[in-house]
Amino acid sequence: MARIIKSVKTNKISIQKRLQDLLPHRHCSIDFRRRERAMQKKPHPQPIKMSSQERRKHH
């Protein structure tokens, strides 16, 4: 059970890091909300979850 909880915690941290990578300014929550609305309006062709190798290709 403890292992599962740890994995969930690391997942949350990795998601937060990804969000910070997407945002130009980490403290700008307004921009984040604006982007969320834009993503809701038009669906993203790519899933947000990407492996490290795929992310290297994009950059």
N, C-alpha and C. Protein backbone atom coordinates (compact mmCIF):
# COMPACT_ATOMS: atom_id res chain seq x y z
N MET A 1 0.84 -1.21 0.00
CA MET A 1 0.00 0.00 0.00
C MET A 1 0.87 1.26 0.00
N ALA A 2 1.93 1.23 0.79
CA ALA A 2 2.79 2.42 0.87
C ALA A 2 3.40 2.73 -0.50
N ARG A 3 3.75 1.69 -1.24
CA ARG A 3 4.36 1.91 -2.55
C ARG A 3 3.39 2.64 -3.49
N ILE A 4 2.12 2.23 -3.45
CA ILE A 4 1.13 2.86 -4.33
C ILE A 4 1.00 4.34 -3.99
N ILE A 5 0.94 4.65 -2.70
CA ILE A 5 0.80 6.06 -2.30
C ILE A 5 2.01 6.86 -2.78
N LYS A 6 3.21 6.27 -2.65
CA LYS A 6 4.41 6.97 -3.10
C LYS A 6 4.33 7.25 -4.60
N SER A 7 3.90 6.26 -5.37
CA SER A 7 3.82 6.46 -6.82
C SER A 7 2.83 7.56 -7.16
N VAL A 8 1.73 7.63 -6.42
CA VAL A 8 0.75 8.69 -6.67
C VAL A 8 1.36 10.05 -6.38
N LYS A 9 2.11 10.13 -5.28
CA LYS A 9 2.75 11.40 -4.93
C LYS A 9 3.71 11.83 -6.02
N THR A 10 4.54 10.91 -6.51
CA THR A 10 5.50 11.25 -7.55
C THR A 10 4.76 11.65 -8.83
N ASN A 11 3.64 11.00 -9.10
CA ASN A 11 2.85 11.37 -10.27
C ASN A 11 2.38 12.82 -10.17
N LYS A 12 1.87 13.20 -8.99
CA LYS A 12 1.40 14.57 -8.80
C LYS A 12 2.54 15.55 -9.00
N ILE A 13 3.71 15.22 -8.45
CA ILE A 13 4.86 16.12 -8.58
C ILE A 13 5.24 16.26 -10.06
N SER A 14 5.27 15.15 -10.79
CA SER A 14 5.65 15.20 -12.20
C SER A 14 4.64 16.02 -13.00
N ILE A 15 3.36 15.90 -12.65
CA ILE A 15 2.33 16.69 -13.34
C ILE A 15 2.55 18.17 -13.07
N GLN A 16 2.84 18.51 -11.81
CA GLN A 16 3.10 19.91 -11.47
C GLN A 16 4.30 20.43 -12.25
N LYS A 17 5.35 19.62 -12.35
CA LYS A 17 6.53 20.05 -13.09
C LYS A 17 6.17 20.27 -14.56
N ARG A 18 5.35 19.39 -15.12
CA ARG A 18 4.95 19.56 -16.53
C ARG A 18 4.17 20.85 -16.70
N LEU A 19 3.28 21.14 -15.77
CA LEU A 19 2.51 22.37 -15.86
C LEU A 19 3.44 23.57 -15.80
N GLN A 20 4.45 23.51 -14.94
CA GLN A 20 5.40 24.62 -14.84
C GLN A 20 6.19 24.75 -16.14
N ASP A 21 6.51 23.63 -16.78
CA ASP A 21 7.21 23.68 -18.05
C ASP A 21 6.34 24.34 -19.12
N LEU A 22 5.05 24.06 -19.09
CA LEU A 22 4.15 24.63 -20.08
C LEU A 22 4.00 26.13 -19.89
N LEU A 23 3.99 26.56 -18.62
CA LEU A 23 3.76 27.97 -18.33
C LEU A 23 5.05 28.76 -18.49
N PRO A 24 4.99 29.93 -19.14
CA PRO A 24 6.17 30.79 -19.22
C PRO A 24 6.54 31.36 -17.85
N HIS A 25 5.53 31.72 -17.06
CA HIS A 25 5.77 32.24 -15.70
C HIS A 25 5.06 31.32 -14.72
N ARG A 26 5.80 30.81 -13.76
CA ARG A 26 5.22 29.84 -12.83
C ARG A 26 4.15 30.48 -11.96
N HIS A 27 4.30 31.77 -11.67
CA HIS A 27 3.38 32.41 -10.72
C HIS A 27 2.16 33.01 -11.43
N CYS A 28 2.14 32.93 -12.75
CA CYS A 28 1.04 33.56 -13.49
C CYS A 28 -0.11 32.56 -13.60
N SER A 29 -1.04 32.63 -12.65
CA SER A 29 -2.17 31.70 -12.66
C SER A 29 -3.21 32.12 -13.69
N ILE A 30 -3.26 33.42 -14.01
CA ILE A 30 -4.25 33.90 -14.98
C ILE A 30 -3.95 33.29 -16.35
N ASP A 31 -2.67 33.29 -16.72
CA ASP A 31 -2.28 32.71 -18.00
C ASP A 31 -2.62 31.23 -18.04
N PHE A 32 -2.43 30.56 -16.90
CA PHE A 32 -2.74 29.13 -16.82
C PHE A 32 -4.23 28.91 -17.05
N ARG A 33 -5.08 29.72 -16.41
CA ARG A 33 -6.53 29.58 -16.61
C ARG A 33 -6.89 29.86 -18.06
N ARG A 34 -6.26 30.87 -18.64
CA ARG A 34 -6.54 31.21 -20.03
C ARG A 34 -6.22 30.03 -20.93
N ARG A 35 -5.09 29.39 -20.66
CA ARG A 35 -4.69 28.24 -21.47
C ARG A 35 -5.66 27.08 -21.25
N GLU A 36 -6.10 26.91 -20.00
CA GLU A 36 -7.06 25.83 -19.72
C GLU A 36 -8.32 26.04 -20.55
N ARG A 37 -8.81 27.27 -20.59
CA ARG A 37 -10.02 27.56 -21.38
C ARG A 37 -9.77 27.26 -22.86
N ALA A 38 -8.62 27.67 -23.35
CA ALA A 38 -8.31 27.45 -24.76
C ALA A 38 -8.26 25.95 -25.06
N MET A 39 -7.69 25.18 -24.12
CA MET A 39 -7.61 23.74 -24.33
C MET A 39 -9.00 23.11 -24.29
N GLN A 40 -9.88 23.67 -23.46
CA GLN A 40 -11.24 23.13 -23.40
C GLN A 40 -11.99 23.44 -24.70
N LYS A 41 -11.75 24.61 -25.26
CA LYS A 41 -12.46 24.99 -26.48
C LYS A 41 -12.05 24.09 -27.64
N LYS A 42 -10.75 23.99 -27.89
CA LYS A 42 -10.29 23.13 -28.98
C LYS A 42 -9.46 21.99 -28.40
N PRO A 43 -9.80 20.74 -28.71
CA PRO A 43 -9.09 19.59 -28.16
C PRO A 43 -7.65 19.54 -28.67
N HIS A 44 -6.77 19.13 -27.79
CA HIS A 44 -5.35 19.04 -28.15
C HIS A 44 -5.11 17.80 -29.01
N PRO A 45 -4.39 17.93 -30.12
CA PRO A 45 -4.10 16.76 -30.95
C PRO A 45 -3.22 15.75 -30.21
N GLN A 46 -2.30 16.26 -29.34
CA GLN A 46 -1.42 15.36 -28.60
C GLN A 46 -1.86 15.30 -27.15
N PRO A 47 -1.75 14.14 -26.52
CA PRO A 47 -2.00 14.05 -25.08
C PRO A 47 -0.93 14.79 -24.30
N ILE A 48 -1.31 15.36 -23.16
CA ILE A 48 -0.35 16.12 -22.36
C ILE A 48 0.73 15.19 -21.82
N LYS A 49 0.34 13.97 -21.45
CA LYS A 49 1.32 13.04 -20.89
C LYS A 49 2.26 12.58 -22.00
N MET A 50 3.53 12.90 -21.86
CA MET A 50 4.53 12.50 -22.83
C MET A 50 5.73 11.90 -22.10
N SER A 51 6.35 10.93 -22.73
CA SER A 51 7.56 10.37 -22.14
C SER A 51 8.72 11.34 -22.34
N SER A 52 9.79 11.16 -21.60
CA SER A 52 10.92 12.08 -21.68
C SER A 52 11.52 12.07 -23.09
N GLN A 53 11.54 10.90 -23.73
CA GLN A 53 12.10 10.81 -25.08
C GLN A 53 11.26 11.63 -26.06
N GLU A 54 9.94 11.54 -25.96
CA GLU A 54 9.08 12.29 -26.87
C GLU A 54 9.26 13.78 -26.65
N ARG A 55 9.40 14.18 -25.39
CA ARG A 55 9.54 15.60 -25.10
C ARG A 55 10.84 16.14 -25.70
N ARG A 56 11.90 15.33 -25.70
CA ARG A 56 13.17 15.77 -26.27
C ARG A 56 13.02 16.02 -27.77
N LYS A 57 12.21 15.20 -28.43
CA LYS A 57 12.01 15.38 -29.87
C LYS A 57 11.32 16.71 -30.16
N HIS A 58 10.36 17.08 -29.30
CA HIS A 58 9.60 18.30 -29.55
C HIS A 58 10.48 19.54 -29.41
N HIS A 59 11.39 19.53 -28.45
CA HIS A 59 12.19 20.74 -28.19
C HIS A 59 13.28 20.90 -29.22
